[in-house]
Structures are given as C-alpha cells and as structure tokens.
Amino acid sequence: MATGGAVNVTVRFFASLREAVGVDCLTVQPDEPTLGGLRCALAGLLDAAQWEAVAARSVQVALNQAIVKDDAALAEGDEVAFLPAVTGG
C-alpha cells in the first residue's frame, strides 16, 4: 500500500450522479491521499455542472462500502462511491 504518496482509487457515481457526470466509473490519483484530496482532484477533472452535482450537500460518500467524512484516508485500490440522496414517497 502507498503511504503519503500518490494512490489510484476507483471512483463510482450512482443513479442521478452517473447521469450528471456522464460516466459510471473513473480512476483518479489525488494529490493528497484523503477523501478531501480526491474531491479537489475531481473538481479539476469535472466541468462546473458535473462538479456541482457531485459536491451537493445531500450527496453521501462511501469508501469501500462504508459512509465516510472528508478526512478519511485513501489507499491504493480503494473504491469511493458518490451516492445521491434517496427520496421516496
């Protein structure tokens, strides 16, 4: 596992986020191996409308299938999923 250096993570977008971004999966190498660093990398990769959808407050983020906060550390091969808010009726 990489420590303190560059790591490659798989980023998945689900449901409406997949539609907004236009892809279901990306491989990203953030400058900082944290979820916050990944968000910065995505902000540079996505256009304004795509980033707005991904960065919405209602979007939850899972790291290897567990919901996490921005200070979560990333390791080589991790999977990060961006999940839109679930609505029901």
PDB file of N, CA and C in Angstrom:
ATOM      1  N   MET A   1       0.833  -1.188   0.000  1.00  0.00           N
ATOM      2  CA  MET A   1       0.000   0.000   0.000  1.00  0.00           C
ATOM      3  C   MET A   1       0.874   1.246   0.000  1.00  0.00           C
ATOM      4  N   ALA A   2       0.383   2.257  -0.701  1.00  0.00           N
ATOM      5  CA  ALA A   2       1.112   3.520  -0.732  1.00  0.00           C
ATOM      6  C   ALA A   2       0.827   4.307   0.542  1.00  0.00           C
ATOM      7  N   THR A   3       1.846   4.977   1.035  1.00  0.00           N
ATOM      8  CA  THR A   3       1.648   5.820   2.214  1.00  0.00           C
ATOM      9  C   THR A   3       2.219   7.190   1.929  1.00  0.00           C
ATOM     10  N   GLY A   4       1.392   8.221   2.111  1.00  0.00           N
ATOM     11  CA  GLY A   4       1.856   9.587   1.946  1.00  0.00           C
ATOM     12  C   GLY A   4       2.157   9.976   0.515  1.00  0.00           C
ATOM     13  N   GLY A   5       1.962   9.084  -0.433  1.00  0.00           N
ATOM     14  CA  GLY A   5       2.239   9.394  -1.821  1.00  0.00           C
ATOM     15  C   GLY A   5       1.000   9.225  -2.665  1.00  0.00           C
ATOM     16  N   ALA A   6       1.231   9.154  -3.949  1.00  0.00           N
ATOM     17  CA  ALA A   6       0.118   9.029  -4.886  1.00  0.00           C
ATOM     18  C   ALA A   6      -0.504   7.638  -4.806  1.00  0.00           C
ATOM     19  N   VAL A   7      -1.817   7.623  -4.826  1.00  0.00           N
ATOM     20  CA  VAL A   7      -2.564   6.376  -4.867  1.00  0.00           C
ATOM     21  C   VAL A   7      -3.608   6.474  -5.970  1.00  0.00           C
ATOM     22  N   ASN A   8      -3.946   5.357  -6.561  1.00  0.00           N
ATOM     23  CA  ASN A   8      -5.013   5.298  -7.547  1.00  0.00           C
ATOM     24  C   ASN A   8      -6.253   4.746  -6.879  1.00  0.00           C
ATOM     25  N   VAL A   9      -7.361   5.462  -7.025  1.00  0.00           N
ATOM     26  CA  VAL A   9      -8.623   4.994  -6.466  1.00  0.00           C
ATOM     27  C   VAL A   9      -9.668   4.948  -7.573  1.00  0.00           C
ATOM     28  N   THR A  10     -10.591   4.023  -7.430  1.00  0.00           N
ATOM     29  CA  THR A  10     -11.713   3.919  -8.349  1.00  0.00           C
ATOM     30  C   THR A  10     -12.852   4.757  -7.782  1.00  0.00           C
ATOM     31  N   VAL A  11     -13.385   5.628  -8.608  1.00  0.00           N
ATOM     32  CA  VAL A  11     -14.489   6.490  -8.196  1.00  0.00           C
ATOM     33  C   VAL A  11     -15.722   6.059  -8.983  1.00  0.00           C
ATOM     34  N   ARG A  12     -16.796   5.762  -8.251  1.00  0.00           N
ATOM     35  CA  ARG A  12     -18.050   5.359  -8.883  1.00  0.00           C
ATOM     36  C   ARG A  12     -19.131   6.388  -8.584  1.00  0.00           C
ATOM     37  N   PHE A  13     -19.966   6.620  -9.593  1.00  0.00           N
ATOM     38  CA  PHE A  13     -21.084   7.549  -9.473  1.00  0.00           C
ATOM     39  C   PHE A  13     -22.361   6.751  -9.691  1.00  0.00           C
ATOM     40  N   PHE A  14     -23.339   6.942  -8.818  1.00  0.00           N
ATOM     41  CA  PHE A  14     -24.562   6.166  -8.893  1.00  0.00           C
ATOM     42  C   PHE A  14     -25.772   7.031  -9.232  1.00  0.00           C
ATOM     43  N   ALA A  15     -26.747   6.410  -9.893  1.00  0.00           N
ATOM     44  CA  ALA A  15     -28.059   6.980 -10.207  1.00  0.00           C
ATOM     45  C   ALA A  15     -27.935   8.330 -10.905  1.00  0.00           C
ATOM     46  N   SER A  16     -28.550   9.373 -10.347  1.00  0.00           N
ATOM     47  CA  SER A  16     -28.568  10.690 -10.993  1.00  0.00           C
ATOM     48  C   SER A  16     -27.167  11.275 -11.139  1.00  0.00           C
ATOM     49  N   LEU A  17     -26.245  10.901 -10.256  1.00  0.00           N
ATOM     50  CA  LEU A  17     -24.871  11.399 -10.372  1.00  0.00           C
ATOM     51  C   LEU A  17     -24.177  10.809 -11.593  1.00  0.00           C
ATOM     52  N   ARG A  18     -24.451   9.547 -11.871  1.00  0.00           N
ATOM     53  CA  ARG A  18     -23.900   8.912 -13.077  1.00  0.00           C
ATOM     54  C   ARG A  18     -24.389   9.662 -14.307  1.00  0.00           C
ATOM     55  N   GLU A  19     -25.666  10.023 -14.314  1.00  0.00           N
ATOM     56  CA  GLU A  19     -26.217  10.773 -15.440  1.00  0.00           C
ATOM     57  C   GLU A  19     -25.600  12.163 -15.537  1.00  0.00           C
ATOM     58  N   ALA A  20     -25.410  12.830 -14.411  1.00  0.00           N
ATOM     59  CA  ALA A  20     -24.843  14.181 -14.398  1.00  0.00           C
ATOM     60  C   ALA A  20     -23.396  14.202 -14.866  1.00  0.00           C
ATOM     61  N   VAL A  21     -22.616  13.208 -14.435  1.00  0.00           N
ATOM     62  CA  VAL A  21     -21.189  13.164 -14.774  1.00  0.00           C
ATOM     63  C   VAL A  21     -20.968  12.568 -16.164  1.00  0.00           C
ATOM     64  N   GLY A  22     -21.837  11.653 -16.570  1.00  0.00           N
ATOM     65  CA  GLY A  22     -21.723  11.057 -17.896  1.00  0.00           C
ATOM     66  C   GLY A  22     -20.933   9.768 -17.940  1.00  0.00           C
ATOM     67  N   VAL A  23     -20.439   9.320 -16.795  1.00  0.00           N
ATOM     68  CA  VAL A  23     -19.730   8.039 -16.701  1.00  0.00           C
ATOM     69  C   VAL A  23     -20.102   7.391 -15.371  1.00  0.00           C
ATOM     70  N   ASP A  24     -19.938   6.095 -15.289  1.00  0.00           N
ATOM     71  CA  ASP A  24     -20.226   5.442 -14.009  1.00  0.00           C
ATOM     72  C   ASP A  24     -18.975   5.226 -13.174  1.00  0.00           C
ATOM     73  N   CYS A  25     -17.782   5.328 -13.814  1.00  0.00           N
ATOM     74  CA  CYS A  25     -16.558   4.998 -13.089  1.00  0.00           C
ATOM     75  C   CYS A  25     -15.367   5.766 -13.658  1.00  0.00           C
ATOM     76  N   LEU A  26     -14.490   6.225 -12.768  1.00  0.00           N
ATOM     77  CA  LEU A  26     -13.229   6.877 -13.136  1.00  0.00           C
ATOM     78  C   LEU A  26     -12.118   6.318 -12.252  1.00  0.00           C
ATOM     79  N   THR A  27     -10.896   6.329 -12.739  1.00  0.00           N
ATOM     80  CA  THR A  27      -9.740   6.074 -11.895  1.00  0.00           C
ATOM     81  C   THR A  27      -9.052   7.411 -11.687  1.00  0.00           C
ATOM     82  N   VAL A  28      -8.854   7.776 -10.421  1.00  0.00           N
ATOM     83  CA  VAL A  28      -8.317   9.093 -10.091  1.00  0.00           C
ATOM     84  C   VAL A  28      -7.122   8.927  -9.158  1.00  0.00           C
ATOM     85  N   GLN A  29      -6.123   9.794  -9.348  1.00  0.00           N
ATOM     86  CA  GLN A  29      -4.941   9.808  -8.488  1.00  0.00           C
ATOM     87  C   GLN A  29      -4.876  11.187  -7.816  1.00  0.00           C
ATOM     88  N   PRO A  30      -5.480  11.316  -6.623  1.00  0.00           N
ATOM     89  CA  PRO A  30      -5.468  12.613  -5.946  1.00  0.00           C
ATOM     90  C   PRO A  30      -4.069  12.987  -5.458  1.00  0.00           C
ATOM     91  N   ASP A  31      -3.791  14.304  -5.367  1.00  0.00           N
ATOM     92  CA  ASP A  31      -2.503  14.769  -4.857  1.00  0.00           C
ATOM     93  C   ASP A  31      -2.319  14.394  -3.394  1.00  0.00           C
ATOM     94  N   GLU A  32      -3.405  14.424  -2.644  1.00  0.00           N
ATOM     95  CA  GLU A  32      -3.385  14.076  -1.224  1.00  0.00           C
ATOM     96  C   GLU A  32      -4.246  12.823  -1.039  1.00  0.00           C
ATOM     97  N   PRO A  33      -3.737  11.785  -0.374  1.00  0.00           N
ATOM     98  CA  PRO A  33      -4.487  10.524  -0.263  1.00  0.00           C
ATOM     99  C   PRO A  33      -5.577  10.549   0.819  1.00  0.00           C
ATOM    100  N   THR A  34      -6.494  11.511   0.671  1.00  0.00           N
ATOM    101  CA  THR A  34      -7.653  11.610   1.562  1.00  0.00           C
ATOM    102  C   THR A  34      -8.880  11.844   0.694  1.00  0.00           C
ATOM    103  N   LEU A  35     -10.039  11.688   1.277  1.00  0.00           N
ATOM    104  CA  LEU A  35     -11.261  11.968   0.540  1.00  0.00           C
ATOM    105  C   LEU A  35     -11.312  13.437   0.144  1.00  0.00           C
ATOM    106  N   GLY A  36     -10.855  14.326   1.015  1.00  0.00           N
ATOM    107  CA  GLY A  36     -10.783  15.745   0.676  1.00  0.00           C
ATOM    108  C   GLY A  36      -9.883  15.990  -0.523  1.00  0.00           C
ATOM    109  N   GLY A  37      -8.743  15.288  -0.573  1.00  0.00           N
ATOM    110  CA  GLY A  37      -7.842  15.390  -1.718  1.00  0.00           C
ATOM    111  C   GLY A  37      -8.491  14.878  -2.993  1.00  0.00           C
ATOM    112  N   LEU A  38      -9.274  13.817  -2.861  1.00  0.00           N
ATOM    113  CA  LEU A  38      -9.993  13.279  -4.018  1.00  0.00           C
ATOM    114  C   LEU A  38     -11.017  14.285  -4.514  1.00  0.00           C
ATOM    115  N   ARG A  39     -11.713  14.930  -3.595  1.00  0.00           N
ATOM    116  CA  ARG A  39     -12.686  15.958  -4.003  1.00  0.00           C
ATOM    117  C   ARG A  39     -11.992  17.072  -4.788  1.00  0.00           C
ATOM    118  N   CYS A  40     -10.814  17.493  -4.337  1.00  0.00           N
ATOM    119  CA  CYS A  40     -10.053  18.531  -5.055  1.00  0.00           C
ATOM    120  C   CYS A  40      -9.686  18.054  -6.456  1.00  0.00           C
ATOM    121  N   ALA A  41      -9.247  16.813  -6.569  1.00  0.00           N
ATOM    122  CA  ALA A  41      -8.890  16.258  -7.875  1.00  0.00           C
ATOM    123  C   ALA A  41     -10.105  16.216  -8.795  1.00  0.00           C
ATOM    124  N   LEU A  42     -11.247  15.794  -8.260  1.00  0.00           N
ATOM    125  CA  LEU A  42     -12.462  15.738  -9.072  1.00  0.00           C
ATOM    126  C   LEU A  42     -12.905  17.124  -9.514  1.00  0.00           C
ATOM    127  N   ALA A  43     -12.743  18.115  -8.655  1.00  0.00           N
ATOM    128  CA  ALA A  43     -13.111  19.486  -9.008  1.00  0.00           C
ATOM    129  C   ALA A  43     -12.319  19.952 -10.231  1.00  0.00           C
ATOM    130  N   GLY A  44     -11.084  19.472 -10.363  1.00  0.00           N
ATOM    131  CA  GLY A  44     -10.265  19.821 -11.516  1.00  0.00           C
ATOM    132  C   GLY A  44     -10.559  19.009 -12.760  1.00  0.00           C
ATOM    133  N   LEU A  45     -11.155  17.834 -12.585  1.00  0.00           N
ATOM    134  CA  LEU A  45     -11.451  16.952 -13.715  1.00  0.00           C
ATOM    135  C   LEU A  45     -12.833  17.184 -14.326  1.00  0.00           C
ATOM    136  N   LEU A  46     -13.781  17.571 -13.497  1.00  0.00           N
ATOM    137  CA  LEU A  46     -15.166  17.704 -13.941  1.00  0.00           C
ATOM    138  C   LEU A  46     -15.474  19.142 -14.333  1.00  0.00           C
ATOM    139  N   ASP A  47     -16.455  19.310 -15.223  1.00  0.00           N
ATOM    140  CA  ASP A  47     -16.870  20.672 -15.540  1.00  0.00           C
ATOM    141  C   ASP A  47     -17.755  21.198 -14.408  1.00  0.00           C
ATOM    142  N   ALA A  48     -18.119  22.462 -14.478  1.00  0.00           N
ATOM    143  CA  ALA A  48     -18.833  23.118 -13.380  1.00  0.00           C
ATOM    144  C   ALA A  48     -20.150  22.425 -13.038  1.00  0.00           C
ATOM    145  N   ALA A  49     -20.933  22.052 -14.030  1.00  0.00           N
ATOM    146  CA  ALA A  49     -22.228  21.406 -13.772  1.00  0.00           C
ATOM    147  C   ALA A  49     -22.033  20.016 -13.165  1.00  0.00           C
ATOM    148  N   GLN A  50     -21.061  19.270 -13.669  1.00  0.00           N
ATOM    149  CA  GLN A  50     -20.780  17.944 -13.121  1.00  0.00           C
ATOM    150  C   GLN A  50     -20.333  18.057 -11.669  1.00  0.00           C
ATOM    151  N   TRP A  51     -19.414  18.983 -11.391  1.00  0.00           N
ATOM    152  CA  TRP A  51     -18.897  19.152 -10.033  1.00  0.00           C
ATOM    153  C   TRP A  51     -20.008  19.594  -9.083  1.00  0.00           C
ATOM    154  N   GLU A  52     -20.879  20.483  -9.532  1.00  0.00           N
ATOM    155  CA  GLU A  52     -21.981  20.942  -8.696  1.00  0.00           C
ATOM    156  C   GLU A  52     -22.860  19.761  -8.258  1.00  0.00           C
ATOM    157  N   ALA A  53     -23.121  18.843  -9.159  1.00  0.00           N
ATOM    158  CA  ALA A  53     -23.929  17.662  -8.823  1.00  0.00           C
ATOM    159  C   ALA A  53     -23.212  16.783  -7.801  1.00  0.00           C
ATOM    160  N   VAL A  54     -21.929  16.536  -8.010  1.00  0.00           N
ATOM    161  CA  VAL A  54     -21.149  15.652  -7.130  1.00  0.00           C
ATOM    162  C   VAL A  54     -20.924  16.298  -5.760  1.00  0.00           C
ATOM    163  N   ALA A  55     -20.745  17.603  -5.728  1.00  0.00           N
ATOM    164  CA  ALA A  55     -20.415  18.304  -4.481  1.00  0.00           C
ATOM    165  C   ALA A  55     -21.639  18.720  -3.661  1.00  0.00           C
ATOM    166  N   ALA A  56     -22.833  18.412  -4.130  1.00  0.00           N
ATOM    167  CA  ALA A  56     -24.045  18.801  -3.409  1.00  0.00           C
ATOM    168  C   ALA A  56     -24.016  18.267  -1.975  1.00  0.00           C
ATOM    169  N   ARG A  57     -24.549  19.048  -1.047  1.00  0.00           N
ATOM    170  CA  ARG A  57     -24.539  18.676   0.373  1.00  0.00           C
ATOM    171  C   ARG A  57     -25.271  17.364   0.634  1.00  0.00           C
ATOM    172  N   SER A  58     -26.258  17.059  -0.185  1.00  0.00           N
ATOM    173  CA  SER A  58     -27.057  15.849   0.024  1.00  0.00           C
ATOM    174  C   SER A  58     -26.355  14.573  -0.435  1.00  0.00           C
ATOM    175  N   VAL A  59     -25.256  14.711  -1.164  1.00  0.00           N
ATOM    176  CA  VAL A  59     -24.525  13.545  -1.669  1.00  0.00           C
ATOM    177  C   VAL A  59     -23.713  12.912  -0.541  1.00  0.00           C
ATOM    178  N   GLN A  60     -23.852  11.605  -0.398  1.00  0.00           N
ATOM    179  CA  GLN A  60     -23.048  10.875   0.578  1.00  0.00           C
ATOM    180  C   GLN A  60     -21.911  10.168  -0.150  1.00  0.00           C
ATOM    181  N   VAL A  61     -20.832   9.917   0.590  1.00  0.00           N
ATOM    182  CA  VAL A  61     -19.666   9.271   0.008  1.00  0.00           C
ATOM    183  C   VAL A  61     -19.333   8.021   0.811  1.00  0.00           C
ATOM    184  N   ALA A  62     -19.127   6.925   0.086  1.00  0.00           N
ATOM    185  CA  ALA A  62     -18.754   5.664   0.723  1.00  0.00           C
ATOM    186  C   ALA A  62     -17.344   5.282   0.284  1.00  0.00           C
ATOM    187  N   LEU A  63     -16.555   4.839   1.228  1.00  0.00           N
ATOM    188  CA  LEU A  63     -15.214   4.325   0.966  1.00  0.00           C
ATOM    189  C   LEU A  63     -15.256   2.836   1.248  1.00  0.00           C
ATOM    190  N   ASN A  64     -15.040   2.046   0.215  1.00  0.00           N
ATOM    191  CA  ASN A  64     -15.110   0.590   0.342  1.00  0.00           C
ATOM    192  C   ASN A  64     -16.403   0.164   1.043  1.00  0.00           C
ATOM    193  N   GLN A  65     -17.500   0.775   0.606  1.00  0.00           N
ATOM    194  CA  GLN A  65     -18.869   0.461   1.026  1.00  0.00           C
ATOM    195  C   GLN A  65     -19.226   0.915   2.438  1.00  0.00           C
ATOM    196  N   ALA A  66     -18.483   1.844   3.022  1.00  0.00           N
ATOM    197  CA  ALA A  66     -18.814   2.419   4.327  1.00  0.00           C
ATOM    198  C   ALA A  66     -18.849   3.942   4.188  1.00  0.00           C
ATOM    199  N   ILE A  67     -19.922   4.579   4.656  1.00  0.00           N
ATOM    200  CA  ILE A  67     -20.054   6.031   4.573  1.00  0.00           C
ATOM    201  C   ILE A  67     -18.947   6.686   5.403  1.00  0.00           C
ATOM    202  N   VAL A  68     -18.273   7.697   4.806  1.00  0.00           N
ATOM    203  CA  VAL A  68     -17.127   8.343   5.459  1.00  0.00           C
ATOM    204  C   VAL A  68     -17.214   9.866   5.345  1.00  0.00           C
ATOM    205  N   LYS A  69     -16.312  10.541   6.056  1.00  0.00           N
ATOM    206  CA  LYS A  69     -16.170  12.003   6.014  1.00  0.00           C
ATOM    207  C   LYS A  69     -14.916  12.357   5.204  1.00  0.00           C
ATOM    208  N   ASP A  70     -14.728  13.658   4.938  1.00  0.00           N
ATOM    209  CA  ASP A  70     -13.642  14.117   4.071  1.00  0.00           C
ATOM    210  C   ASP A  70     -12.238  13.836   4.592  1.00  0.00           C
ATOM    211  N   ASP A  71     -12.074  13.570   5.884  1.00  0.00           N
ATOM    212  CA  ASP A  71     -10.733  13.309   6.400  1.00  0.00           C
ATOM    213  C   ASP A  71     -10.334  11.829   6.283  1.00  0.00           C
ATOM    214  N   ALA A  72     -11.194  11.013   5.684  1.00  0.00           N
ATOM    215  CA  ALA A  72     -10.884   9.590   5.515  1.00  0.00           C
ATOM    216  C   ALA A  72      -9.646   9.421   4.638  1.00  0.00           C
ATOM    217  N   ALA A  73      -8.738   8.557   5.069  1.00  0.00           N
ATOM    218  CA  ALA A  73      -7.515   8.277   4.309  1.00  0.00           C
ATOM    219  C   ALA A  73      -7.818   7.292   3.189  1.00  0.00           C
ATOM    220  N   LEU A  74      -7.137   7.473   2.066  1.00  0.00           N
ATOM    221  CA  LEU A  74      -7.292   6.585   0.915  1.00  0.00           C
ATOM    222  C   LEU A  74      -6.028   5.757   0.731  1.00  0.00           C
ATOM    223  N   ALA A  75      -6.211   4.527   0.286  1.00  0.00           N
ATOM    224  CA  ALA A  75      -5.091   3.631  -0.012  1.00  0.00           C
ATOM    225  C   ALA A  75      -5.222   3.146  -1.451  1.00  0.00           C
ATOM    226  N   GLU A  76      -4.129   2.681  -1.997  1.00  0.00           N
ATOM    227  CA  GLU A  76      -4.107   2.157  -3.351  1.00  0.00           C
ATOM    228  C   GLU A  76      -5.222   1.126  -3.534  1.00  0.00           C
ATOM    229  N   GLY A  77      -5.998   1.297  -4.610  1.00  0.00           N
ATOM    230  CA  GLY A  77      -7.043   0.337  -4.942  1.00  0.00           C
ATOM    231  C   GLY A  77      -8.373   0.550  -4.251  1.00  0.00           C
ATOM    232  N   ASP A  78      -8.491   1.573  -3.397  1.00  0.00           N
ATOM    233  CA  ASP A  78      -9.761   1.834  -2.733  1.00  0.00           C
ATOM    234  C   ASP A  78     -10.844   2.173  -3.753  1.00  0.00           C
ATOM    235  N   GLU A  79     -12.100   1.943  -3.348  1.00  0.00           N
ATOM    236  CA  GLU A  79     -13.245   2.321  -4.158  1.00  0.00           C
ATOM    237  C   GLU A  79     -14.041   3.378  -3.402  1.00  0.00           C
ATOM    238  N   VAL A  80     -14.260   4.503  -4.061  1.00  0.00           N
ATOM    239  CA  VAL A  80     -15.037   5.596  -3.478  1.00  0.00           C
ATOM    240  C   VAL A  80     -16.299   5.744  -4.313  1.00  0.00           C
ATOM    241  N   ALA A  81     -17.449   5.718  -3.650  1.00  0.00           N
ATOM    242  CA  ALA A  81     -18.726   5.837  -4.342  1.00  0.00           C
ATOM    243  C   ALA A  81     -19.433   7.110  -3.913  1.00  0.00           C
ATOM    244  N   PHE A  82     -19.914   7.858  -4.889  1.00  0.00           N
ATOM    245  CA  PHE A  82     -20.719   9.044  -4.631  1.00  0.00           C
ATOM    246  C   PHE A  82     -22.175   8.653  -4.823  1.00  0.00           C
ATOM    247  N   LEU A  83     -22.954   8.854  -3.766  1.00  0.00           N
ATOM    248  CA  LEU A  83     -24.332   8.385  -3.705  1.00  0.00           C
ATOM    249  C   LEU A  83     -25.294   9.559  -3.560  1.00  0.00           C
ATOM    250  N   PRO A  84     -26.242   9.709  -4.483  1.00  0.00           N
ATOM    251  CA  PRO A  84     -27.197  10.795  -4.341  1.00  0.00           C
ATOM    252  C   PRO A  84     -28.160  10.529  -3.206  1.00  0.00           C
ATOM    253  N   ALA A  85     -28.800  11.587  -2.725  1.00  0.00           N
ATOM    254  CA  ALA A  85     -29.808  11.439  -1.688  1.00  0.00           C
ATOM    255  C   ALA A  85     -30.922  10.533  -2.199  1.00  0.00           C
ATOM    256  N   VAL A  86     -31.447   9.716  -1.315  1.00  0.00           N
ATOM    257  CA  VAL A  86     -32.538   8.818  -1.674  1.00  0.00           C
ATOM    258  C   VAL A  86     -33.843   9.507  -1.303  1.00  0.00           C
ATOM    259  N   THR A  87     -34.755   9.507  -2.258  1.00  0.00           N
ATOM    260  CA  THR A  87     -36.067  10.079  -1.973  1.00  0.00           C
ATOM    261  C   THR A  87     -37.111   9.000  -2.128  1.00  0.00           C
ATOM    262  N   GLY A  88     -38.163   9.147  -1.435  1.00  0.00           N
ATOM    263  CA  GLY A  88     -39.242   8.158  -1.526  1.00  0.00           C
ATOM    264  C   GLY A  88     -40.563   8.797  -1.214  1.00  0.00           C
ATOM    265  N   GLY A  89     -41.583   8.014  -1.354  1.00  0.00           N
ATOM    266  CA  GLY A  89     -42.873   8.596  -1.104  1.00  0.00           C
ATOM    267  C   GLY A  89     -43.871   7.573  -0.695  1.00  0.00           C
TER     268      GLY A  89
END
